[in-house]
Amino acid sequence: MGDDELSEIRKKRMAQLQQQAGDQQAMQEELERQQRLKSQIQMVLMQVLEPDARERLNTIRLTKPDFASAVEQQLVMLAQSGRLRQKITDAQLKELLRQIAPAKRDYSITRK
């Protein structure tokens, strides 16, 4: 191997390491952005929901995280648009969940 080949290999390796460092930094920034967004959503929910309703939403998050996220997004949108005049109670959250929840299918089995 000549000096030219070694220097070329070193340059390639250095470029590769710089690329990896850039990728890691981008991933770190994305994680920080997601954490900030999550904390902002939680702050809005604390302002908008009564403690009982917040507890119910957290319980739903344990079983159906996607559904809970959709409900949270909708609550945040309502709060930001100014359509909420008061804190949402547990009963109001139940009604909202009933409206948002997908309709259940009823199955009937008949035996012959």
PDB file of N, CA and C in Angstrom:
ATOM      1  N   MET A   1       0.826  -1.179   0.000  1.00  0.00           N
ATOM      2  CA  MET A   1       0.000   0.000   0.000  1.00  0.00           C
ATOM      3  C   MET A   1       0.874   1.247   0.000  1.00  0.00           C
ATOM      4  N   GLY A   2       0.473   2.154  -0.807  1.00  0.00           N
ATOM      5  CA  GLY A   2       1.226   3.394  -0.879  1.00  0.00           C
ATOM      6  C   GLY A   2       0.633   4.445   0.036  1.00  0.00           C
ATOM      7  N   ASP A   3       1.363   5.537   0.160  1.00  0.00           N
ATOM      8  CA  ASP A   3       0.894   6.637   0.993  1.00  0.00           C
ATOM      9  C   ASP A   3      -0.402   7.232   0.454  1.00  0.00           C
ATOM     10  N   ASP A   4      -0.541   7.232  -0.871  1.00  0.00           N
ATOM     11  CA  ASP A   4      -1.751   7.778  -1.482  1.00  0.00           C
ATOM     12  C   ASP A   4      -2.968   6.940  -1.093  1.00  0.00           C
ATOM     13  N   GLU A   5      -2.810   5.619  -1.117  1.00  0.00           N
ATOM     14  CA  GLU A   5      -3.919   4.731  -0.757  1.00  0.00           C
ATOM     15  C   GLU A   5      -4.295   4.900   0.710  1.00  0.00           C
ATOM     16  N   LEU A   6      -3.315   4.995   1.575  1.00  0.00           N
ATOM     17  CA  LEU A   6      -3.588   5.172   3.008  1.00  0.00           C
ATOM     18  C   LEU A   6      -4.294   6.494   3.284  1.00  0.00           C
ATOM     19  N   SER A   7      -3.844   7.543   2.624  1.00  0.00           N
ATOM     20  CA  SER A   7      -4.482   8.846   2.837  1.00  0.00           C
ATOM     21  C   SER A   7      -5.913   8.839   2.298  1.00  0.00           C
ATOM     22  N   GLU A   8      -6.134   8.129   1.204  1.00  0.00           N
ATOM     23  CA  GLU A   8      -7.494   8.014   0.646  1.00  0.00           C
ATOM     24  C   GLU A   8      -8.402   7.250   1.608  1.00  0.00           C
ATOM     25  N   ILE A   9      -7.899   6.169   2.180  1.00  0.00           N
ATOM     26  CA  ILE A   9      -8.672   5.384   3.148  1.00  0.00           C
ATOM     27  C   ILE A   9      -8.979   6.230   4.380  1.00  0.00           C
ATOM     28  N   ARG A  10      -8.012   6.987   4.844  1.00  0.00           N
ATOM     29  CA  ARG A  10      -8.214   7.857   6.004  1.00  0.00           C
ATOM     30  C   ARG A  10      -9.272   8.919   5.721  1.00  0.00           C
ATOM     31  N   LYS A  11      -9.220   9.500   4.522  1.00  0.00           N
ATOM     32  CA  LYS A  11     -10.211  10.514   4.149  1.00  0.00           C
ATOM     33  C   LYS A  11     -11.621   9.922   4.129  1.00  0.00           C
ATOM     34  N   LYS A  12     -11.740   8.724   3.547  1.00  0.00           N
ATOM     35  CA  LYS A  12     -13.048   8.068   3.489  1.00  0.00           C
ATOM     36  C   LYS A  12     -13.569   7.765   4.892  1.00  0.00           C
ATOM     37  N   ARG A  13     -12.691   7.264   5.737  1.00  0.00           N
ATOM     38  CA  ARG A  13     -13.077   6.928   7.114  1.00  0.00           C
ATOM     39  C   ARG A  13     -13.472   8.186   7.884  1.00  0.00           C
ATOM     40  N   MET A  14     -12.732   9.240   7.691  1.00  0.00           N
ATOM     41  CA  MET A  14     -13.035  10.497   8.367  1.00  0.00           C
ATOM     42  C   MET A  14     -14.393  11.035   7.906  1.00  0.00           C
ATOM     43  N   ALA A  15     -14.668  10.963   6.617  1.00  0.00           N
ATOM     44  CA  ALA A  15     -15.956  11.408   6.084  1.00  0.00           C
ATOM     45  C   ALA A  15     -17.087  10.556   6.654  1.00  0.00           C
ATOM     46  N   GLN A  16     -16.840   9.269   6.756  1.00  0.00           N
ATOM     47  CA  GLN A  16     -17.847   8.365   7.303  1.00  0.00           C
ATOM     48  C   GLN A  16     -18.137   8.697   8.765  1.00  0.00           C
ATOM     49  N   LEU A  17     -17.121   8.953   9.552  1.00  0.00           N
ATOM     50  CA  LEU A  17     -17.301   9.304  10.961  1.00  0.00           C
ATOM     51  C   LEU A  17     -18.036  10.634  11.116  1.00  0.00           C
ATOM     52  N   GLN A  18     -17.724  11.601  10.245  1.00  0.00           N
ATOM     53  CA  GLN A  18     -18.412  12.881  10.299  1.00  0.00           C
ATOM     54  C   GLN A  18     -19.895  12.711   9.946  1.00  0.00           C
ATOM     55  N   GLN A  19     -20.184  11.839   8.984  1.00  0.00           N
ATOM     56  CA  GLN A  19     -21.573  11.568   8.597  1.00  0.00           C
ATOM     57  C   GLN A  19     -22.335  10.951   9.770  1.00  0.00           C
ATOM     58  N   GLN A  20     -21.701   9.996  10.449  1.00  0.00           N
ATOM     59  CA  GLN A  20     -22.348   9.359  11.594  1.00  0.00           C
ATOM     60  C   GLN A  20     -22.591  10.357  12.718  1.00  0.00           C
ATOM     61  N   ALA A  21     -21.642  11.235  12.956  1.00  0.00           N
ATOM     62  CA  ALA A  21     -21.797  12.254  13.995  1.00  0.00           C
ATOM     63  C   ALA A  21     -22.951  13.189  13.644  1.00  0.00           C
ATOM     64  N   GLY A  22     -23.064  13.556  12.386  1.00  0.00           N
ATOM     65  CA  GLY A  22     -24.166  14.410  11.937  1.00  0.00           C
ATOM     66  C   GLY A  22     -25.507  13.721  12.092  1.00  0.00           C
ATOM     67  N   ASP A  23     -25.564  12.433  11.777  1.00  0.00           N
ATOM     68  CA  ASP A  23     -26.803  11.671  11.926  1.00  0.00           C
ATOM     69  C   ASP A  23     -27.219  11.580  13.389  1.00  0.00           C
ATOM     70  N   GLN A  24     -26.250  11.353  14.269  1.00  0.00           N
ATOM     71  CA  GLN A  24     -26.550  11.259  15.692  1.00  0.00           C
ATOM     72  C   GLN A  24     -27.050  12.595  16.235  1.00  0.00           C
ATOM     73  N   GLN A  25     -26.457  13.665  15.763  1.00  0.00           N
ATOM     74  CA  GLN A  25     -26.892  14.986  16.211  1.00  0.00           C
ATOM     75  C   GLN A  25     -28.318  15.258  15.735  1.00  0.00           C
ATOM     76  N   ALA A  26     -28.637  14.884  14.510  1.00  0.00           N
ATOM     77  CA  ALA A  26     -29.987  15.079  13.983  1.00  0.00           C
ATOM     78  C   ALA A  26     -30.992  14.254  14.779  1.00  0.00           C
ATOM     79  N   MET A  27     -30.630  13.034  15.125  1.00  0.00           N
ATOM     80  CA  MET A  27     -31.527  12.190  15.916  1.00  0.00           C
ATOM     81  C   MET A  27     -31.744  12.790  17.301  1.00  0.00           C
ATOM     82  N   GLN A  28     -30.702  13.325  17.905  1.00  0.00           N
ATOM     83  CA  GLN A  28     -30.795  13.941  19.227  1.00  0.00           C
ATOM     84  C   GLN A  28     -31.706  15.166  19.178  1.00  0.00           C
ATOM     85  N   GLU A  29     -31.569  15.983  18.141  1.00  0.00           N
ATOM     86  CA  GLU A  29     -32.422  17.162  17.986  1.00  0.00           C
ATOM     87  C   GLU A  29     -33.873  16.757  17.800  1.00  0.00           C
ATOM     88  N   GLU A  30     -34.114  15.705  17.055  1.00  0.00           N
ATOM     89  CA  GLU A  30     -35.482  15.219  16.841  1.00  0.00           C
ATOM     90  C   GLU A  30     -36.091  14.724  18.151  1.00  0.00           C
ATOM     91  N   LEU A  31     -35.315  14.004  18.945  1.00  0.00           N
ATOM     92  CA  LEU A  31     -35.798  13.533  20.247  1.00  0.00           C
ATOM     93  C   LEU A  31     -36.120  14.702  21.171  1.00  0.00           C
ATOM     94  N   GLU A  32     -35.278  15.714  21.179  1.00  0.00           N
ATOM     95  CA  GLU A  32     -35.531  16.893  22.002  1.00  0.00           C
ATOM     96  C   GLU A  32     -36.789  17.615  21.549  1.00  0.00           C
ATOM     97  N   ARG A  33     -36.989  17.712  20.250  1.00  0.00           N
ATOM     98  CA  ARG A  33     -38.195  18.366  19.716  1.00  0.00           C
ATOM     99  C   ARG A  33     -39.439  17.596  20.134  1.00  0.00           C
ATOM    100  N   GLN A  34     -39.380  16.265  20.045  1.00  0.00           N
ATOM    101  CA  GLN A  34     -40.522  15.448  20.445  1.00  0.00           C
ATOM    102  C   GLN A  34     -40.809  15.593  21.939  1.00  0.00           C
ATOM    103  N   GLN A  35     -39.766  15.665  22.757  1.00  0.00           N
ATOM    104  CA  GLN A  35     -39.949  15.836  24.193  1.00  0.00           C
ATOM    105  C   GLN A  35     -40.589  17.191  24.510  1.00  0.00           C
ATOM    106  N   ARG A  36     -40.148  18.232  23.819  1.00  0.00           N
ATOM    107  CA  ARG A  36     -40.748  19.563  24.029  1.00  0.00           C
ATOM    108  C   ARG A  36     -42.218  19.557  23.647  1.00  0.00           C
ATOM    109  N   LEU A  37     -42.533  18.942  22.517  1.00  0.00           N
ATOM    110  CA  LEU A  37     -43.921  18.867  22.061  1.00  0.00           C
ATOM    111  C   LEU A  37     -44.773  18.094  23.051  1.00  0.00           C
ATOM    112  N   LYS A  38     -44.245  16.992  23.547  1.00  0.00           N
ATOM    113  CA  LYS A  38     -44.976  16.167  24.506  1.00  0.00           C
ATOM    114  C   LYS A  38     -45.236  16.942  25.791  1.00  0.00           C
ATOM    115  N   SER A  39     -44.233  17.675  26.267  1.00  0.00           N
ATOM    116  CA  SER A  39     -44.418  18.445  27.500  1.00  0.00           C
ATOM    117  C   SER A  39     -45.414  19.585  27.295  1.00  0.00           C
ATOM    118  N   GLN A  40     -45.427  20.194  26.113  1.00  0.00           N
ATOM    119  CA  GLN A  40     -46.402  21.247  25.829  1.00  0.00           C
ATOM    120  C   GLN A  40     -47.820  20.679  25.823  1.00  0.00           C
ATOM    121  N   ILE A  41     -47.985  19.502  25.240  1.00  0.00           N
ATOM    122  CA  ILE A  41     -49.302  18.863  25.217  1.00  0.00           C
ATOM    123  C   ILE A  41     -49.752  18.564  26.639  1.00  0.00           C
ATOM    124  N   GLN A  42     -48.855  18.042  27.459  1.00  0.00           N
ATOM    125  CA  GLN A  42     -49.204  17.737  28.846  1.00  0.00           C
ATOM    126  C   GLN A  42     -49.600  18.997  29.614  1.00  0.00           C
ATOM    127  N   MET A  43     -48.929  20.102  29.370  1.00  0.00           N
ATOM    128  CA  MET A  43     -49.267  21.355  30.039  1.00  0.00           C
ATOM    129  C   MET A  43     -50.660  21.832  29.639  1.00  0.00           C
ATOM    130  N   VAL A  44     -50.966  21.738  28.360  1.00  0.00           N
ATOM    131  CA  VAL A  44     -52.289  22.139  27.897  1.00  0.00           C
ATOM    132  C   VAL A  44     -53.355  21.236  28.507  1.00  0.00           C
ATOM    133  N   LEU A  45     -53.087  19.929  28.558  1.00  0.00           N
ATOM    134  CA  LEU A  45     -54.065  18.998  29.128  1.00  0.00           C
ATOM    135  C   LEU A  45     -54.286  19.265  30.615  1.00  0.00           C
ATOM    136  N   MET A  46     -53.241  19.652  31.321  1.00  0.00           N
ATOM    137  CA  MET A  46     -53.401  19.972  32.742  1.00  0.00           C
ATOM    138  C   MET A  46     -54.288  21.199  32.927  1.00  0.00           C
ATOM    139  N   GLN A  47     -54.224  22.122  31.992  1.00  0.00           N
ATOM    140  CA  GLN A  47     -55.051  23.321  32.080  1.00  0.00           C
ATOM    141  C   GLN A  47     -56.488  23.047  31.667  1.00  0.00           C
ATOM    142  N   VAL A  48     -56.697  22.069  30.793  1.00  0.00           N
ATOM    143  CA  VAL A  48     -58.001  21.851  30.183  1.00  0.00           C
ATOM    144  C   VAL A  48     -58.819  20.774  30.905  1.00  0.00           C
ATOM    145  N   LEU A  49     -58.156  19.788  31.492  1.00  0.00           N
ATOM    146  CA  LEU A  49     -58.865  18.649  32.072  1.00  0.00           C
ATOM    147  C   LEU A  49     -58.898  18.710  33.598  1.00  0.00           C
ATOM    148  N   GLU A  50     -60.031  18.279  34.149  1.00  0.00           N
ATOM    149  CA  GLU A  50     -60.131  18.059  35.587  1.00  0.00           C
ATOM    150  C   GLU A  50     -59.256  16.861  35.946  1.00  0.00           C
ATOM    151  N   PRO A  51     -58.839  16.728  37.200  1.00  0.00           N
ATOM    152  CA  PRO A  51     -57.983  15.598  37.578  1.00  0.00           C
ATOM    153  C   PRO A  51     -58.593  14.224  37.265  1.00  0.00           C
ATOM    154  N   ASP A  52     -59.902  14.066  37.469  1.00  0.00           N
ATOM    155  CA  ASP A  52     -60.552  12.782  37.168  1.00  0.00           C
ATOM    156  C   ASP A  52     -60.479  12.467  35.675  1.00  0.00           C
ATOM    157  N   ALA A  53     -60.705  13.466  34.863  1.00  0.00           N
ATOM    158  CA  ALA A  53     -60.664  13.267  33.415  1.00  0.00           C
ATOM    159  C   ALA A  53     -59.250  12.967  32.953  1.00  0.00           C
ATOM    160  N   ARG A  54     -58.270  13.625  33.550  1.00  0.00           N
ATOM    161  CA  ARG A  54     -56.873  13.367  33.195  1.00  0.00           C
ATOM    162  C   ARG A  54     -56.480  11.941  33.578  1.00  0.00           C
ATOM    163  N   GLU A  55     -56.978  11.488  34.722  1.00  0.00           N
ATOM    164  CA  GLU A  55     -56.705  10.122  35.162  1.00  0.00           C
ATOM    165  C   GLU A  55     -57.331   9.111  34.200  1.00  0.00           C
ATOM    166  N   ARG A  56     -58.550   9.391  33.762  1.00  0.00           N
ATOM    167  CA  ARG A  56     -59.208   8.496  32.804  1.00  0.00           C
ATOM    168  C   ARG A  56     -58.424   8.439  31.492  1.00  0.00           C
ATOM    169  N   LEU A  57     -57.967   9.571  31.026  1.00  0.00           N
ATOM    170  CA  LEU A  57     -57.204   9.610  29.779  1.00  0.00           C
ATOM    171  C   LEU A  57     -55.888   8.841  29.917  1.00  0.00           C
ATOM    172  N   ASN A  58     -55.251   8.948  31.073  1.00  0.00           N
ATOM    173  CA  ASN A  58     -54.018   8.193  31.308  1.00  0.00           C
ATOM    174  C   ASN A  58     -54.288   6.693  31.353  1.00  0.00           C
ATOM    175  N   THR A  59     -55.426   6.295  31.899  1.00  0.00           N
ATOM    176  CA  THR A  59     -55.791   4.878  31.921  1.00  0.00           C
ATOM    177  C   THR A  59     -56.040   4.367  30.510  1.00  0.00           C
ATOM    178  N   ILE A  60     -56.676   5.174  29.711  1.00  0.00           N
ATOM    179  CA  ILE A  60     -56.922   4.793  28.309  1.00  0.00           C
ATOM    180  C   ILE A  60     -55.602   4.668  27.570  1.00  0.00           C
ATOM    181  N   ARG A  61     -54.651   5.542  27.890  1.00  0.00           N
ATOM    182  CA  ARG A  61     -53.337   5.494  27.236  1.00  0.00           C
ATOM    183  C   ARG A  61     -52.654   4.148  27.463  1.00  0.00           C
ATOM    184  N   LEU A  62     -52.875   3.540  28.626  1.00  0.00           N
ATOM    185  CA  LEU A  62     -52.256   2.240  28.910  1.00  0.00           C
ATOM    186  C   LEU A  62     -52.781   1.140  27.990  1.00  0.00           C
ATOM    187  N   THR A  63     -54.057   1.195  27.666  1.00  0.00           N
ATOM    188  CA  THR A  63     -54.642   0.139  26.835  1.00  0.00           C
ATOM    189  C   THR A  63     -54.642   0.477  25.348  1.00  0.00           C
ATOM    190  N   LYS A  64     -54.901   1.744  25.021  1.00  0.00           N
ATOM    191  CA  LYS A  64     -54.986   2.162  23.613  1.00  0.00           C
ATOM    192  C   LYS A  64     -54.199   3.449  23.410  1.00  0.00           C
ATOM    193  N   PRO A  65     -52.877   3.347  23.283  1.00  0.00           N
ATOM    194  CA  PRO A  65     -52.063   4.572  23.179  1.00  0.00           C
ATOM    195  C   PRO A  65     -52.385   5.427  21.951  1.00  0.00           C
ATOM    196  N   ASP A  66     -52.687   4.801  20.823  1.00  0.00           N
ATOM    197  CA  ASP A  66     -52.995   5.571  19.609  1.00  0.00           C
ATOM    198  C   ASP A  66     -54.290   6.359  19.779  1.00  0.00           C
ATOM    199  N   PHE A  67     -55.289   5.710  20.357  1.00  0.00           N
ATOM    200  CA  PHE A  67     -56.577   6.362  20.584  1.00  0.00           C
ATOM    201  C   PHE A  67     -56.417   7.521  21.567  1.00  0.00           C
ATOM    202  N   ALA A  68     -55.650   7.309  22.626  1.00  0.00           N
ATOM    203  CA  ALA A  68     -55.424   8.363  23.624  1.00  0.00           C
ATOM    204  C   ALA A  68     -54.700   9.550  22.983  1.00  0.00           C
ATOM    205  N   SER A  69     -53.742   9.282  22.118  1.00  0.00           N
ATOM    206  CA  SER A  69     -53.032  10.368  21.439  1.00  0.00           C
ATOM    207  C   SER A  69     -53.973  11.164  20.545  1.00  0.00           C
ATOM    208  N   ALA A  70     -54.872  10.469  19.872  1.00  0.00           N
ATOM    209  CA  ALA A  70     -55.842  11.160  19.015  1.00  0.00           C
ATOM    210  C   ALA A  70     -56.766  12.043  19.854  1.00  0.00           C
ATOM    211  N   VAL A  71     -57.199  11.546  20.992  1.00  0.00           N
ATOM    212  CA  VAL A  71     -58.060  12.335  21.878  1.00  0.00           C
ATOM    213  C   VAL A  71     -57.297  13.554  22.399  1.00  0.00           C
ATOM    214  N   GLU A  72     -56.050  13.345  22.795  1.00  0.00           N
ATOM    215  CA  GLU A  72     -55.242  14.460  23.278  1.00  0.00           C
ATOM    216  C   GLU A  72     -55.073  15.528  22.203  1.00  0.00           C
ATOM    217  N   GLN A  73     -54.792  15.102  20.992  1.00  0.00           N
ATOM    218  CA  GLN A  73     -54.634  16.063  19.894  1.00  0.00           C
ATOM    219  C   GLN A  73     -55.915  16.866  19.690  1.00  0.00           C
ATOM    220  N   GLN A  74     -57.053  16.176  19.779  1.00  0.00           N
ATOM    221  CA  GLN A  74     -58.320  16.868  19.589  1.00  0.00           C
ATOM    222  C   GLN A  74     -58.570  17.864  20.723  1.00  0.00           C
ATOM    223  N   LEU A  75     -58.250  17.476  21.947  1.00  0.00           N
ATOM    224  CA  LEU A  75     -58.429  18.379  23.084  1.00  0.00           C
ATOM    225  C   LEU A  75     -57.520  19.601  22.960  1.00  0.00           C
ATOM    226  N   VAL A  76     -56.305  19.391  22.529  1.00  0.00           N
ATOM    227  CA  VAL A  76     -55.369  20.508  22.355  1.00  0.00           C
ATOM    228  C   VAL A  76     -55.882  21.453  21.269  1.00  0.00           C
ATOM    229  N   MET A  77     -56.390  20.883  20.189  1.00  0.00           N
ATOM    230  CA  MET A  77     -56.927  21.720  19.101  1.00  0.00           C
ATOM    231  C   MET A  77     -58.121  22.545  19.603  1.00  0.00           C
ATOM    232  N   LEU A  78     -59.005  21.911  20.389  1.00  0.00           N
ATOM    233  CA  LEU A  78     -60.146  22.638  20.943  1.00  0.00           C
ATOM    234  C   LEU A  78     -59.680  23.771  21.860  1.00  0.00           C
ATOM    235  N   ALA A  79     -58.674  23.483  22.665  1.00  0.00           N
ATOM    236  CA  ALA A  79     -58.168  24.500  23.590  1.00  0.00           C
ATOM    237  C   ALA A  79     -57.508  25.656  22.834  1.00  0.00           C
ATOM    238  N   GLN A  80     -56.739  25.345  21.815  1.00  0.00           N
ATOM    239  CA  GLN A  80     -56.045  26.386  21.066  1.00  0.00           C
ATOM    240  C   GLN A  80     -57.006  27.235  20.249  1.00  0.00           C
ATOM    241  N   SER A  81     -58.100  26.636  19.809  1.00  0.00           N
ATOM    242  CA  SER A  81     -59.063  27.402  19.025  1.00  0.00           C
ATOM    243  C   SER A  81     -59.987  28.228  19.914  1.00  0.00           C
ATOM    244  N   GLY A  82     -59.904  28.045  21.233  1.00  0.00           N
ATOM    245  CA  GLY A  82     -60.715  28.834  22.151  1.00  0.00           C
ATOM    246  C   GLY A  82     -62.126  28.329  22.313  1.00  0.00           C
ATOM    247  N   ARG A  83     -62.395  27.099  21.918  1.00  0.00           N
ATOM    248  CA  ARG A  83     -63.750  26.556  21.996  1.00  0.00           C
ATOM    249  C   ARG A  83     -64.069  25.977  23.371  1.00  0.00           C
ATOM    250  N   LEU A  84     -63.068  25.880  24.246  1.00  0.00           N
ATOM    251  CA  LEU A  84     -63.310  25.370  25.599  1.00  0.00           C
ATOM    252  C   LEU A  84     -63.438  26.552  26.549  1.00  0.00           C
ATOM    253  N   ARG A  85     -64.572  26.639  27.208  1.00  0.00           N
ATOM    254  CA  ARG A  85     -64.825  27.749  28.129  1.00  0.00           C
ATOM    255  C   ARG A  85     -64.428  27.387  29.562  1.00  0.00           C
ATOM    256  N   GLN A  86     -64.472  26.096  29.882  1.00  0.00           N
ATOM    257  CA  GLN A  86     -64.170  25.638  31.232  1.00  0.00           C
ATOM    258  C   GLN A  86     -63.429  24.312  31.157  1.00  0.00           C
ATOM    259  N   LYS A  87     -62.957  23.840  32.300  1.00  0.00           N
ATOM    260  CA  LYS A  87     -62.254  22.565  32.328  1.00  0.00           C
ATOM    261  C   LYS A  87     -63.218  21.430  32.003  1.00  0.00           C
ATOM    262  N   ILE A  88     -62.697  20.423  31.334  1.00  0.00           N
ATOM    263  CA  ILE A  88     -63.515  19.270  30.957  1.00  0.00           C
ATOM    264  C   ILE A  88     -63.581  18.309  32.132  1.00  0.00           C
ATOM    265  N   THR A  89     -64.801  17.953  32.504  1.00  0.00           N
ATOM    266  CA  THR A  89     -64.997  17.017  33.600  1.00  0.00           C
ATOM    267  C   THR A  89     -64.910  15.584  33.077  1.00  0.00           C
ATOM    268  N   ASP A  90     -64.950  14.656  34.032  1.00  0.00           N
ATOM    269  CA  ASP A  90     -64.882  13.244  33.666  1.00  0.00           C
ATOM    270  C   ASP A  90     -66.089  12.847  32.817  1.00  0.00           C
ATOM    271  N   ALA A  91     -67.263  13.340  33.173  1.00  0.00           N
ATOM    272  CA  ALA A  91     -68.475  13.008  32.413  1.00  0.00           C
ATOM    273  C   ALA A  91     -68.392  13.556  30.987  1.00  0.00           C
ATOM    274  N   GLN A  92     -67.884  14.770  30.848  1.00  0.00           N
ATOM    275  CA  GLN A  92     -67.750  15.351  29.515  1.00  0.00           C
ATOM    276  C   GLN A  92     -66.731  14.580  28.688  1.00  0.00           C
ATOM    277  N   LEU A  93     -65.650  14.131  29.326  1.00  0.00           N
ATOM    278  CA  LEU A  93     -64.646  13.337  28.618  1.00  0.00           C
ATOM    279  C   LEU A  93     -65.237  12.009  28.170  1.00  0.00           C
ATOM    280  N   LYS A  94     -66.057  11.386  29.023  1.00  0.00           N
ATOM    281  CA  LYS A  94     -66.707  10.128  28.644  1.00  0.00           C
ATOM    282  C   LYS A  94     -67.559  10.315  27.395  1.00  0.00           C
ATOM    283  N   GLU A  95     -68.305  11.406  27.371  1.00  0.00           N
ATOM    284  CA  GLU A  95     -69.168  11.675  26.208  1.00  0.00           C
ATOM    285  C   GLU A  95     -68.318  11.910  24.958  1.00  0.00           C
ATOM    286  N   LEU A  96     -67.239  12.647  25.112  1.00  0.00           N
ATOM    287  CA  LEU A  96     -66.332  12.887  23.986  1.00  0.00           C
ATOM    288  C   LEU A  96     -65.741  11.568  23.490  1.00  0.00           C
ATOM    289  N   LEU A  97     -65.355  10.711  24.415  1.00  0.00           N
ATOM    290  CA  LEU A  97     -64.803   9.404  24.036  1.00  0.00           C
ATOM    291  C   LEU A  97     -65.838   8.561  23.300  1.00  0.00           C
ATOM    292  N   ARG A  98     -67.088   8.632  23.763  1.00  0.00           N
ATOM    293  CA  ARG A  98     -68.151   7.884  23.072  1.00  0.00           C
ATOM    294  C   ARG A  98     -68.316   8.363  21.628  1.00  0.00           C
ATOM    295  N   GLN A  99     -68.198   9.661  21.423  1.00  0.00           N
ATOM    296  CA  GLN A  99     -68.358  10.214  20.081  1.00  0.00           C
ATOM    297  C   GLN A  99     -67.180   9.855  19.182  1.00  0.00           C
ATOM    298  N   ILE A 100     -65.988   9.848  19.744  1.00  0.00           N
ATOM    299  CA  ILE A 100     -64.790   9.602  18.948  1.00  0.00           C
ATOM    300  C   ILE A 100     -64.566   8.117  18.689  1.00  0.00           C
ATOM    301  N   ALA A 101     -64.919   7.283  19.670  1.00  0.00           N
ATOM    302  CA  ALA A 101     -64.625   5.844  19.575  1.00  0.00           C
ATOM    303  C   ALA A 101     -65.270   5.249  18.333  1.00  0.00           C
ATOM    304  N   PRO A 102     -64.551   4.372  17.659  1.00  0.00           N
ATOM    305  CA  PRO A 102     -65.136   3.709  16.499  1.00  0.00           C
ATOM    306  C   PRO A 102     -66.296   2.816  16.928  1.00  0.00           C
ATOM    307  N   ALA A 103     -67.276   2.740  16.068  1.00  0.00           N
ATOM    308  CA  ALA A 103     -68.460   1.939  16.380  1.00  0.00           C
ATOM    309  C   ALA A 103     -68.079   0.464  16.503  1.00  0.00           C
ATOM    310  N   LYS A 104     -68.631  -0.159  17.534  1.00  0.00           N
ATOM    311  CA  LYS A 104     -68.352  -1.579  17.720  1.00  0.00           C
ATOM    312  C   LYS A 104     -69.246  -2.383  16.792  1.00  0.00           C
ATOM    313  N   ARG A 105     -68.710  -3.452  16.318  1.00  0.00           N
ATOM    314  CA  ARG A 105     -69.505  -4.330  15.468  1.00  0.00           C
ATOM    315  C   ARG A 105     -70.134  -5.400  16.334  1.00  0.00           C
ATOM    316  N   ASP A 106     -71.395  -5.621  16.104  1.00  0.00           N
ATOM    317  CA  ASP A 106     -72.079  -6.676  16.832  1.00  0.00           C
ATOM    318  C   ASP A 106     -72.086  -7.915  15.962  1.00  0.00           C
ATOM    319  N   TYR A 107     -71.678  -8.981  16.561  1.00  0.00           N
ATOM    320  CA  TYR A 107     -71.655 -10.258  15.859  1.00  0.00           C
ATOM    321  C   TYR A 107     -72.695 -11.172  16.490  1.00  0.00           C
ATOM    322  N   SER A 108     -73.420 -11.804  15.655  1.00  0.00           N
ATOM    323  CA  SER A 108     -74.386 -12.784  16.171  1.00  0.00           C
ATOM    324  C   SER A 108     -74.109 -14.118  15.471  1.00  0.00           C
ATOM    325  N   ILE A 109     -74.062 -15.141  16.282  1.00  0.00           N
ATOM    326  CA  ILE A 109     -73.792 -16.466  15.763  1.00  0.00           C
ATOM    327  C   ILE A 109     -75.044 -17.297  15.937  1.00  0.00           C
ATOM    328  N   THR A 110     -75.486 -17.842  14.837  1.00  0.00           N
ATOM    329  CA  THR A 110     -76.655 -18.722  14.903  1.00  0.00           C
ATOM    330  C   THR A 110     -76.216 -20.131  14.558  1.00  0.00           C
ATOM    331  N   ARG A 111     -76.672 -21.030  15.393  1.00  0.00           N
ATOM    332  CA  ARG A 111     -76.320 -22.435  15.151  1.00  0.00           C
ATOM    333  C   ARG A 111     -77.514 -23.139  14.551  1.00  0.00           C
ATOM    334  N   LYS A 112     -77.222 -24.030  13.632  1.00  0.00           N
ATOM    335  CA  LYS A 112     -78.314 -24.767  12.960  1.00  0.00           C
ATOM    336  C   LYS A 112     -78.312 -26.199  13.422  1.00  0.00           C
TER     337      LYS A 112
END
